[in-house]
C-alpha atoms as a PDB file:
ATOM      1  CA  MET A   1     -23.800  -7.842 -12.268  1.00  0.00           C
ATOM      2  CA  GLY A   2     -23.628  -5.805  -9.014  1.00  0.00           C
ATOM      3  CA  LYS A   3     -23.613  -8.853  -6.698  1.00  0.00           C
ATOM      4  CA  LYS A   4     -20.655 -10.206  -8.780  1.00  0.00           C
ATOM      5  CA  ARG A   5     -18.590  -7.071  -8.540  1.00  0.00           C
ATOM      6  CA  ILE A   6     -19.185  -6.919  -4.787  1.00  0.00           C
ATOM      7  CA  ILE A   7     -17.961 -10.437  -4.437  1.00  0.00           C
ATOM      8  CA  TYR A   8     -15.146  -9.887  -6.905  1.00  0.00           C
ATOM      9  CA  TYR A   9     -13.721  -6.807  -5.086  1.00  0.00           C
ATOM     10  CA  LEU A  10     -14.309  -8.559  -1.798  1.00  0.00           C
ATOM     11  CA  PHE A  11     -12.140 -11.709  -2.649  1.00  0.00           C
ATOM     12  CA  LEU A  12      -9.478  -9.410  -4.195  1.00  0.00           C
ATOM     13  CA  ALA A  13      -9.361  -7.183  -1.002  1.00  0.00           C
ATOM     14  CA  LEU A  14      -9.219 -10.361   1.175  1.00  0.00           C
ATOM     15  CA  GLY A  15      -6.631 -12.021  -1.156  1.00  0.00           C
ATOM     16  CA  TRP A  16      -4.560  -8.999  -1.014  1.00  0.00           C
ATOM     17  CA  THR A  17      -4.604  -9.002   2.761  1.00  0.00           C
ATOM     18  CA  VAL A  18      -3.818 -12.756   3.139  1.00  0.00           C
ATOM     19  CA  ILE A  19      -0.596 -11.659   0.872  1.00  0.00           C
ATOM     20  CA  LEU A  20       0.216  -9.053   3.096  1.00  0.00           C
ATOM     21  CA  PHE A  21      -0.036 -10.889   6.341  1.00  0.00           C
ATOM     22  CA  TYR A  22       1.995 -14.023   4.626  1.00  0.00           C
ATOM     23  CA  LEU A  23       4.784 -11.461   3.778  1.00  0.00           C
ATOM     24  CA  SER A  24       4.576 -10.127   7.261  1.00  0.00           C
ATOM     25  CA  SER A  25       4.913 -13.917   8.601  1.00  0.00           C
ATOM     26  CA  MET A  26       8.444 -14.295   6.683  1.00  0.00           C
ATOM     27  CA  SER A  27      11.517 -13.634   8.462  1.00  0.00           C
ATOM     28  CA  TYR A  28      13.969 -10.844   7.500  1.00  0.00           C
ATOM     29  CA  ALA A  29      16.322 -13.258   6.086  1.00  0.00           C
ATOM     30  CA  ASP A  30      13.906 -14.703   3.858  1.00  0.00           C
ATOM     31  CA  GLN A  31      13.084 -11.117   2.378  1.00  0.00           C
ATOM     32  CA  ASP A  32      16.784  -9.941   2.347  1.00  0.00           C
ATOM     33  CA  ILE A  33      17.734  -8.714  -1.255  1.00  0.00           C
ATOM     34  CA  ARG A  34      20.982  -7.489  -0.577  1.00  0.00           C
ATOM     35  CA  PRO A  35      22.487 -10.732  -2.070  1.00  0.00           C
ATOM     36  CA  TYR A  36      20.660  -9.914  -5.306  1.00  0.00           C
ATOM     37  CA  LEU A  37      21.903  -6.337  -5.200  1.00  0.00           C
ATOM     38  CA  ARG A  38      25.341  -7.335  -4.732  1.00  0.00           C
ATOM     39  CA  MET A  39      25.117  -9.416  -7.934  1.00  0.00           C
ATOM     40  CA  LEU A  40      23.595  -6.459 -10.013  1.00  0.00           C
ATOM     41  CA  VAL A  41      25.298  -3.432  -9.028  1.00  0.00           C
ATOM     42  CA  ALA A  42      28.324  -2.432  -7.319  1.00  0.00           C
ATOM     43  CA  GLU A  43      27.916  -0.609  -3.925  1.00  0.00           C
ATOM     44  CA  GLU A  44      30.231   2.272  -5.078  1.00  0.00           C
ATOM     45  CA  HIS A  45      27.387   2.993  -7.669  1.00  0.00           C
ATOM     46  CA  ILE A  46      24.736   3.138  -5.002  1.00  0.00           C
ATOM     47  CA  VAL A  47      26.921   5.323  -2.817  1.00  0.00           C
ATOM     48  CA  GLN A  48      27.511   7.914  -5.640  1.00  0.00           C
ATOM     49  CA  VAL A  49      23.755   8.154  -6.670  1.00  0.00           C
ATOM     50  CA  PHE A  50      22.463   8.509  -3.081  1.00  0.00           C
ATOM     51  CA  SER A  51      25.255   9.986  -1.335  1.00  0.00           C
ATOM     52  CA  ASN A  52      23.002  13.242  -0.733  1.00  0.00           C
ATOM     53  CA  VAL A  53      20.066  11.626   0.331  1.00  0.00           C
ATOM     54  CA  GLU A  54      19.095  11.447   4.048  1.00  0.00           C
ATOM     55  CA  ILE A  55      15.705  10.245   5.532  1.00  0.00           C
ATOM     56  CA  PRO A  56      14.440  10.967   8.650  1.00  0.00           C
ATOM     57  CA  TYR A  57      13.014   7.869  10.230  1.00  0.00           C
ATOM     58  CA  ARG A  58      11.728   7.386  13.681  1.00  0.00           C
ATOM     59  CA  ASN A  59      14.325   9.360  15.904  1.00  0.00           C
ATOM     60  CA  SER A  60      17.240   9.135  13.564  1.00  0.00           C
ATOM     61  CA  THR A  61      18.264   9.786   9.903  1.00  0.00           C
ATOM     62  CA  VAL A  62      18.870   7.169   7.377  1.00  0.00           C
ATOM     63  CA  SER A  63      21.519   7.547   4.685  1.00  0.00           C
ATOM     64  CA  VAL A  64      24.036   5.600   2.780  1.00  0.00           C
ATOM     65  CA  ASP A  65      26.650   6.874   5.291  1.00  0.00           C
ATOM     66  CA  ASN A  66      24.786   5.426   8.352  1.00  0.00           C
ATOM     67  CA  MET A  67      23.813   2.087   6.724  1.00  0.00           C
ATOM     68  CA  GLY A  68      26.148   1.471   3.411  1.00  0.00           C
ATOM     69  CA  GLY A  69      24.728   1.066   0.000  1.00  0.00           C
ATOM     70  CA  TYR A  70      23.171  -2.006  -0.218  1.00  0.00           C
ATOM     71  CA  GLN A  71      21.401  -1.622   3.224  1.00  0.00           C
ATOM     72  CA  PHE A  72      20.127   1.660   2.197  1.00  0.00           C
ATOM     73  CA  VAL A  73      18.550   0.547  -1.015  1.00  0.00           C
ATOM     74  CA  GLU A  74      16.897  -2.326   0.684  1.00  0.00           C
ATOM     75  CA  PHE A  75      15.533   0.125   3.157  1.00  0.00           C
ATOM     76  CA  LEU A  76      14.185   2.253   0.316  1.00  0.00           C
ATOM     77  CA  PHE A  77      12.739  -1.096  -1.279  1.00  0.00           C
ATOM     78  CA  ARG A  78      10.975  -2.334   1.972  1.00  0.00           C
ATOM     79  CA  LYS A  79       9.485   1.170   2.804  1.00  0.00           C
ATOM     80  CA  GLY A  80       8.271   1.527  -0.850  1.00  0.00           C
ATOM     81  CA  ALA A  81       6.878  -1.838  -0.625  1.00  0.00           C
ATOM     82  CA  HIS A  82       4.786  -0.892   2.287  1.00  0.00           C
ATOM     83  CA  LEU A  83       3.508   2.295   0.188  1.00  0.00           C
ATOM     84  CA  PHE A  84       2.781   0.031  -2.888  1.00  0.00           C
ATOM     85  CA  PHE A  85       1.111  -2.935  -1.015  1.00  0.00           C
ATOM     86  CA  TYR A  86      -1.329  -0.596   0.970  1.00  0.00           C
ATOM     87  CA  SER A  87      -2.037   1.486  -1.846  1.00  0.00           C
ATOM     88  CA  VAL A  88      -3.376  -1.495  -3.687  1.00  0.00           C
ATOM     89  CA  LEU A  89      -5.075  -2.484  -0.629  1.00  0.00           C
ATOM     90  CA  GLY A  90      -6.746   1.096  -0.177  1.00  0.00           C
ATOM     91  CA  TYR A  91      -7.877   1.000  -3.820  1.00  0.00           C
ATOM     92  CA  LEU A  92      -9.285  -2.591  -3.368  1.00  0.00           C
ATOM     93  CA  LEU A  93     -11.248  -1.472  -0.249  1.00  0.00           C
ATOM     94  CA  VAL A  94     -12.785   1.569  -1.974  1.00  0.00           C
ATOM     95  CA  ARG A  95     -13.772  -0.288  -4.841  1.00  0.00           C
ATOM     96  CA  TYR A  96     -15.537  -2.948  -2.600  1.00  0.00           C
ATOM     97  CA  PHE A  97     -17.221  -0.532  -0.524  1.00  0.00           C
ATOM     98  CA  ALA A  98     -18.535   1.679  -3.562  1.00  0.00           C
ATOM     99  CA  SER A  99     -19.616  -1.564  -5.114  1.00  0.00           C
ATOM    100  CA  SER A 100     -21.728  -2.452  -2.086  1.00  0.00           C
ATOM    101  CA  LEU A 101     -22.577   1.035  -0.912  1.00  0.00           C
ATOM    102  CA  GLY A 102     -23.010   2.938  -4.001  1.00  0.00           C
ATOM    103  CA  ARG A 103     -22.670   6.795  -3.884  1.00  0.00           C
ATOM    104  CA  LYS A 104     -22.320   7.053  -0.047  1.00  0.00           C
ATOM    105  CA  TYR A 105     -18.958   8.720  -0.016  1.00  0.00           C
ATOM    106  CA  MET A 106     -18.385   9.270   3.504  1.00  0.00           C
ATOM    107  CA  ARG A 107     -19.403   5.773   4.537  1.00  0.00           C
ATOM    108  CA  VAL A 108     -17.181   4.301   1.668  1.00  0.00           C
ATOM    109  CA  CYS A 109     -14.248   6.573   2.806  1.00  0.00           C
ATOM    110  CA  PHE A 110     -14.788   5.830   6.601  1.00  0.00           C
ATOM    111  CA  PHE A 111     -15.017   2.057   6.257  1.00  0.00           C
ATOM    112  CA  SER A 112     -12.098   1.805   3.747  1.00  0.00           C
ATOM    113  CA  LEU A 113      -9.813   3.915   6.146  1.00  0.00           C
ATOM    114  CA  PHE A 114     -11.211   2.090   9.139  1.00  0.00           C
ATOM    115  CA  ILE A 115     -10.353  -1.448   7.711  1.00  0.00           C
ATOM    116  CA  LEU A 116      -6.965  -0.034   6.126  1.00  0.00           C
ATOM    117  CA  LEU A 117      -5.932   1.098   9.720  1.00  0.00           C
ATOM    118  CA  THR A 118      -6.971  -2.067  11.374  1.00  0.00           C
ATOM    119  CA  ILE A 119      -5.071  -4.182   8.839  1.00  0.00           C
ATOM    120  CA  ALA A 120      -1.961  -1.858   8.993  1.00  0.00           C
ATOM    121  CA  MET A 121      -2.000  -2.188  12.987  1.00  0.00           C
ATOM    122  CA  LEU A 122      -2.723  -5.773  12.921  1.00  0.00           C
ATOM    123  CA  ASP A 123       0.327  -6.385  10.373  1.00  0.00           C
ATOM    124  CA  GLU A 124       2.745  -4.403  12.407  1.00  0.00           C
ATOM    125  CA  TYR A 125       1.479  -6.325  15.586  1.00  0.00           C
ATOM    126  CA  LEU A 126       2.107  -9.600  14.074  1.00  0.00           C
ATOM    127  CA  GLN A 127       5.567  -8.498  12.838  1.00  0.00           C
ATOM    128  CA  HIS A 128       6.269  -7.509  16.336  1.00  0.00           C
ATOM    129  CA  MET A 129       5.211 -11.068  17.682  1.00  0.00           C
ATOM    130  CA  HIS A 130       7.681 -12.498  14.905  1.00  0.00           C
ATOM    131  CA  PRO A 131      10.958 -13.313  16.755  1.00  0.00           C
ATOM    132  CA  GLU A 132      13.020 -12.164  13.683  1.00  0.00           C
ATOM    133  CA  ARG A 133      10.985  -9.053  12.759  1.00  0.00           C
ATOM    134  CA  SER A 134      10.105  -5.782  14.507  1.00  0.00           C
ATOM    135  CA  GLY A 135       6.820  -3.931  14.073  1.00  0.00           C
ATOM    136  CA  GLN A 136       7.207  -0.212  14.036  1.00  0.00           C
ATOM    137  CA  TRP A 137       4.378   2.493  14.525  1.00  0.00           C
ATOM    138  CA  ALA A 138       6.311   4.461  11.939  1.00  0.00           C
ATOM    139  CA  ASP A 139       5.356   1.916   9.695  1.00  0.00           C
ATOM    140  CA  VAL A 140       1.667   1.975  10.459  1.00  0.00           C
ATOM    141  CA  TRP A 141       1.752   5.600   9.700  1.00  0.00           C
ATOM    142  CA  LEU A 142       3.698   4.572   6.266  1.00  0.00           C
ATOM    143  CA  ASN A 143       1.198   1.785   5.386  1.00  0.00           C
ATOM    144  CA  CYS A 144      -1.777   4.263   6.110  1.00  0.00           C
ATOM    145  CA  MET A 145      -0.067   6.847   3.809  1.00  0.00           C
ATOM    146  CA  GLY A 146       0.009   4.269   1.071  1.00  0.00           C
ATOM    147  CA  GLY A 147      -3.378   3.391   1.576  1.00  0.00           C
ATOM    148  CA  ILE A 148      -4.682   6.860   1.724  1.00  0.00           C
ATOM    149  CA  LYS A 149      -3.218   7.324  -1.888  1.00  0.00           C
ATOM    150  CA  GLY A 150      -4.999   4.047  -2.893  1.00  0.00           C
ATOM    151  CA  ILE A 151      -8.317   5.106  -1.370  1.00  0.00           C
ATOM    152  CA  VAL A 152      -7.939   8.645  -3.202  1.00  0.00           C
ATOM    153  CA  THR A 153      -7.024   6.656  -6.772  1.00  0.00           C
ATOM    154  CA  GLY A 154      -9.924   4.371  -5.889  1.00  0.00           C
ATOM    155  CA  PHE A 155     -12.417   7.302  -5.567  1.00  0.00           C
ATOM    156  CA  LEU A 156     -11.138   9.031  -8.620  1.00  0.00           C
ATOM    157  CA  SER A 157     -11.481   5.983 -10.488  1.00  0.00           C
ATOM    158  CA  THR A 158     -14.859   4.895  -9.229  1.00  0.00           C
ATOM    159  CA  TYR A 159     -16.686   7.926  -9.210  1.00  0.00           C
ATOM    160  CA  ILE A 160     -15.275   9.820 -12.072  1.00  0.00           C
ATOM    161  CA  LYS A 161     -16.113   6.770 -14.219  1.00  0.00           C
ATOM    162  CA  LYS A 162     -19.622   6.659 -12.803  1.00  0.00           C
ATOM    163  CA  ASN A 163     -20.070  10.444 -13.554  1.00  0.00           C
ATOM    164  CA  ARG A 164     -18.790   9.937 -17.166  1.00  0.00           C
ATOM    165  CA  THR A 165     -20.894   7.042 -17.864  1.00  0.00           C
ATOM    166  CA  GLU A 166     -24.234   8.891 -16.453  1.00  0.00           C
ATOM    167  CA  ALA A 167     -23.234  11.932 -18.616  1.00  0.00           C
ATOM    168  CA  THR A 168     -22.770   9.879 -21.586  1.00  0.00           C
ATOM    169  CA  GLN A 169     -26.287   8.130 -20.993  1.00  0.00           C
ATOM    170  CA  LYS A 170     -27.938  11.421 -20.492  1.00  0.00           C
ATOM    171  CA  SER A 171     -26.449  12.972 -23.643  1.00  0.00           C
ATOM    172  CA  ALA A 172     -27.485   9.976 -25.582  1.00  0.00           C
ATOM    173  CA  ASP A 173     -30.871   9.967 -24.404  1.00  0.00           C
ATOM    174  CA  PRO A 174     -32.936  12.147 -26.833  1.00  0.00           C
ATOM    175  CA  SER A 175     -35.777  12.629 -24.345  1.00  0.00           C
ATOM    176  CA  MET A 176     -33.283  14.761 -21.882  1.00  0.00           C
END
């Protein structure tokens, strides 16, 4: 069962990384959600909801006033996608390394963070090399924040589950 679990999480992490790199290879136009937003909601409603929201990003402030409603929502969606995709990747990396290394917490954490940072930097580099995309160091940071959230979630789900299982087994064992 242990080897199957290791291979299972390895393939999930590799598959998720392939999806990330595939999405990074797409042009901005292929990922543009503004046409769909125009069909779903009036820009005035977006402006009403987000009129007081300002987000510092790189060396400027991102807001509805600066970008317009549809562009602002797309910005939020794209940055949220960074957080989501890297959170899942961080979780899968912890599960893989926890399956293969066991309770070596520091090693699991180190390897998960190292691989995550490497993938995040490579992802942004590939975007930088794409003629219609721009890789940003700020996005590497955002990717890592999402990944750290996934790593923490992976640690909690992995090691709390193991501790509960062991406690249940000890309480069920009458010889203890």
